[in-house]
């Protein structure tokens, strides 16, 4: 509907500046912003983190990256500051950033699933539409958890300075899953190294 409205307005007034101001009541602010641009909108109203009344407005960081990644359109913004900008806004307003917030959440570049990690090690575009450096994020992280595979466990340990064979990593998986279920979270690289040491002592 947003596309239809803006396309009709553009046909009726081809030279008239058109802008879109989206609210996120149905979780469609970014999608509607993209639709408006595709139909001829010249400008988009956005706020950092989508801050606004009720369910908020179109989030700057999501709209900018959606334009660049999905549409190949630059908003003329230095995206390398988006990660820190979102945190500065959160601090100033006393709001938290959910870990799974698109683009700037802490978990956006965190990978646990065996399939995800294996794919990411082969091609970083597999599950990330853009690199963390592009928005100034610290970097991607592989963690060990209940859905990890042997390749992921091996990579987490390698990054922590502990090299194990793929076979040893596979043998560690049942214990890893049991511990993660008991603790209700994934394990740090240090905790994973402790499991390896325990497994070797028990061997």
Protein backbone atom coordinates (compact mmCIF):
# COMPACT_ATOMS: atom_id res chain seq x y z
CA UNK A 1 0.00 0.00 0.00
CA UNK A 2 2.85 2.42 0.78
CA UNK A 3 4.37 1.76 -2.62
CA UNK A 4 1.03 2.27 -4.35
CA UNK A 5 0.37 5.57 -2.58
CA UNK A 6 3.79 7.01 -3.34
CA UNK A 7 3.78 5.75 -6.92
CA UNK A 8 0.41 7.46 -7.45
CA UNK A 9 1.64 10.70 -5.87
CA UNK A 10 4.77 10.64 -8.02
CA UNK A 11 2.72 10.17 -11.18
CA UNK A 12 0.43 13.04 -10.28
CA UNK A 13 3.22 15.40 -9.17
CA UNK A 14 6.49 14.30 -10.83
CA UNK A 15 8.47 17.36 -9.65
CA UNK A 16 6.99 17.68 -6.16
CA UNK A 17 9.31 16.67 -3.27
CA UNK A 18 7.92 13.64 -1.44
CA UNK A 19 8.94 12.47 2.04
CA UNK A 20 7.92 9.48 4.13
CA UNK A 21 7.45 9.51 7.91
CA UNK A 22 6.98 5.96 9.18
CA UNK A 23 5.84 4.63 12.53
CA UNK A 24 6.64 1.10 13.61
CA UNK A 25 3.28 0.05 15.06
CA UNK A 26 3.23 -3.16 13.00
CA UNK A 27 7.00 -3.60 12.75
CA UNK A 28 6.93 -2.34 9.17
CA UNK A 29 8.62 1.06 9.41
CA UNK A 30 11.81 0.01 7.61
CA UNK A 31 9.94 -2.01 4.97
CA UNK A 32 7.58 0.88 4.31
CA UNK A 33 10.54 3.27 4.09
CA UNK A 34 12.09 1.05 1.42
CA UNK A 35 8.78 0.84 -0.43
CA UNK A 36 8.40 4.62 -0.37
CA UNK A 37 11.91 5.11 -1.78
CA UNK A 38 11.31 2.50 -4.47
CA UNK A 39 8.15 4.34 -5.51
CA UNK A 40 9.86 7.72 -5.74
CA UNK A 41 10.10 9.27 -2.26
CA UNK A 42 12.90 11.82 -2.01
CA UNK A 43 13.42 11.76 1.76
CA UNK A 44 12.80 9.58 4.79
CA UNK A 45 12.25 10.64 8.40
CA UNK A 46 14.32 8.50 10.78
CA UNK A 47 15.45 8.50 14.40
CA UNK A 48 18.48 6.84 16.02
CA UNK A 49 17.33 3.48 17.31
CA UNK A 50 13.79 4.18 16.11
CA UNK A 51 13.12 6.36 19.18
CA UNK A 52 9.65 7.89 19.01
CA UNK A 53 6.11 7.79 20.32
CA UNK A 54 4.36 4.48 20.92
CA UNK A 55 6.32 1.82 19.02
CA UNK A 56 8.77 4.33 17.57
CA UNK A 57 9.81 5.52 14.13
CA UNK A 58 11.99 4.25 11.31
CA UNK A 59 15.45 3.50 12.82
CA UNK A 60 18.24 5.45 11.15
CA UNK A 61 20.77 2.62 11.29
CA UNK A 62 18.40 0.04 9.78
CA UNK A 63 17.16 2.32 7.02
CA UNK A 64 20.68 3.43 6.05
CA UNK A 65 22.01 -0.14 5.87
CA UNK A 66 18.89 -1.46 4.12
CA UNK A 67 19.31 1.24 1.48
CA UNK A 68 23.00 0.42 1.00
CA UNK A 69 22.83 -3.38 1.17
CA UNK A 70 19.45 -4.11 -0.42
CA UNK A 71 19.07 -1.19 -2.82
CA UNK A 72 22.65 -0.15 -3.51
CA UNK A 73 21.74 3.43 -2.54
CA UNK A 74 24.01 5.55 -0.36
CA UNK A 75 22.35 7.87 2.14
CA UNK A 76 25.55 9.92 2.29
CA UNK A 77 26.22 8.83 5.87
CA UNK A 78 29.49 7.49 7.28
CA UNK A 79 28.20 4.10 8.42
CA UNK A 80 31.35 3.32 10.42
CA UNK A 81 29.93 5.37 13.29
CA UNK A 82 26.50 3.72 13.48
CA UNK A 83 27.42 1.20 16.18
CA UNK A 84 28.74 3.81 18.61
CA UNK A 85 26.07 6.36 17.66
CA UNK A 86 23.35 3.91 18.68
CA UNK A 87 25.05 3.38 22.04
CA UNK A 88 25.49 7.10 22.63
CA UNK A 89 21.77 7.59 22.00
CA UNK A 90 20.91 4.69 24.32
CA UNK A 91 23.05 6.16 27.10
CA UNK A 92 21.57 9.63 26.64
CA UNK A 93 17.99 8.36 26.77
CA UNK A 94 18.46 5.65 29.40
CA UNK A 95 17.35 2.95 26.97
CA UNK A 96 18.91 -0.44 26.42
CA UNK A 97 19.69 -1.97 23.05
CA UNK A 98 18.25 -5.49 22.72
CA UNK A 99 21.02 -7.97 21.83
CA UNK A 100 19.13 -9.05 18.71
CA UNK A 101 18.36 -5.50 17.48
CA UNK A 102 18.96 -5.51 13.70
CA UNK A 103 22.22 -3.93 12.55
CA UNK A 104 23.53 -2.73 15.95
CA UNK A 105 22.61 -5.46 18.49
CA UNK A 106 25.43 -7.23 20.36
CA UNK A 107 24.36 -10.60 18.94
CA UNK A 108 24.17 -9.54 15.28
CA UNK A 109 27.71 -10.79 14.58
CA UNK A 110 27.70 -13.68 17.09
CA UNK A 111 27.50 -17.20 15.68
CA UNK A 112 26.89 -20.46 17.55
CA UNK A 113 25.05 -22.89 15.28
CA UNK A 114 27.27 -25.53 13.71
CA UNK A 115 25.85 -24.87 10.25
CA UNK A 116 26.29 -21.10 10.63
CA UNK A 117 29.87 -21.28 11.88
CA UNK A 118 30.95 -23.77 9.22
CA UNK A 119 29.44 -21.58 6.51
CA UNK A 120 30.92 -18.38 7.95
CA UNK A 121 34.39 -19.92 8.04
CA UNK A 122 34.04 -20.67 4.33
CA UNK A 123 32.29 -17.44 3.30
CA UNK A 124 31.58 -14.54 5.66
CA UNK A 125 28.67 -13.46 3.45
CA UNK A 126 26.77 -16.65 4.31
CA UNK A 127 24.93 -15.20 7.30
CA UNK A 128 26.06 -11.57 7.43
CA UNK A 129 24.75 -9.12 4.83
CA UNK A 130 27.61 -6.76 5.73
CA UNK A 131 30.86 -6.93 7.71
CA UNK A 132 30.90 -5.63 11.32
CA UNK A 133 33.61 -3.11 10.43
CA UNK A 134 31.19 -1.39 8.09
CA UNK A 135 29.19 -0.04 11.04
CA UNK A 136 32.10 0.23 13.47
CA UNK A 137 31.16 -2.90 15.44
CA UNK A 138 33.97 -4.69 17.33
CA UNK A 139 33.89 -7.76 15.07
CA UNK A 140 32.28 -11.15 14.67
CA UNK A 141 32.41 -13.74 17.40
CA UNK A 142 32.04 -17.51 17.42
CA UNK A 143 30.68 -18.98 20.66
CA UNK A 144 30.25 -22.52 21.94
CA UNK A 145 26.75 -23.62 22.85
CA UNK A 146 24.11 -26.32 22.54
CA UNK A 147 23.85 -25.92 18.76
CA UNK A 148 27.60 -25.84 18.10
CA UNK A 149 29.34 -28.33 15.84
CA UNK A 150 32.86 -29.69 15.99
CA UNK A 151 34.20 -27.11 13.55
CA UNK A 152 32.78 -24.28 15.64
CA UNK A 153 34.20 -25.67 18.88
CA UNK A 154 37.59 -26.09 17.22
CA UNK A 155 37.47 -22.47 15.98
CA UNK A 156 36.49 -21.04 19.38
CA UNK A 157 39.38 -22.93 21.00
CA UNK A 158 41.80 -21.92 18.25
CA UNK A 159 40.92 -18.24 18.78
CA UNK A 160 41.57 -18.74 22.50
CA UNK A 161 45.00 -20.22 21.84
CA UNK A 162 44.09 -23.88 22.35
CA UNK A 163 44.38 -26.11 19.32
CA UNK A 164 42.49 -29.42 19.27
CA UNK A 165 41.76 -31.88 16.52
CA UNK A 166 38.36 -32.01 14.85
CA UNK A 167 37.87 -35.46 16.40
CA UNK A 168 38.58 -34.19 19.91
CA UNK A 169 36.18 -31.30 19.35
CA UNK A 170 33.47 -33.74 18.24
CA UNK A 171 33.98 -35.87 21.35
CA UNK A 172 33.54 -32.76 23.49
CA UNK A 173 30.10 -31.90 22.06
CA UNK A 174 27.88 -34.03 24.37
CA UNK A 175 29.56 -32.58 27.48
CA UNK A 176 29.37 -29.06 26.04
CA UNK A 177 25.63 -29.37 25.40
CA UNK A 178 24.99 -30.81 28.86
CA UNK A 179 26.85 -27.94 30.55
CA UNK A 180 25.18 -25.28 28.40
CA UNK A 181 21.72 -26.66 29.14
CA UNK A 182 22.50 -26.74 32.85
CA UNK A 183 23.82 -23.17 32.88
CA UNK A 184 21.25 -21.85 30.42
CA UNK A 185 23.82 -20.09 28.23
CA UNK A 186 26.74 -20.56 25.88
CA UNK A 187 30.29 -20.87 27.25
CA UNK A 188 33.15 -18.44 27.09
CA UNK A 189 36.37 -19.57 25.44
CA UNK A 190 37.95 -19.89 28.90
CA UNK A 191 35.13 -22.13 30.13
CA UNK A 192 35.44 -24.22 26.99
CA UNK A 193 39.16 -24.63 27.57
CA UNK A 194 38.31 -25.86 31.07
CA UNK A 195 36.07 -28.55 29.58
CA UNK A 196 38.87 -29.65 27.29
CA UNK A 197 41.29 -29.87 30.21
CA UNK A 198 38.75 -31.87 32.22
CA UNK A 199 38.13 -34.23 29.33
CA UNK A 200 41.87 -34.85 28.94
CA UNK A 201 42.28 -35.52 32.64
CA UNK A 202 39.41 -37.99 32.55
CA UNK A 203 40.74 -39.76 29.47
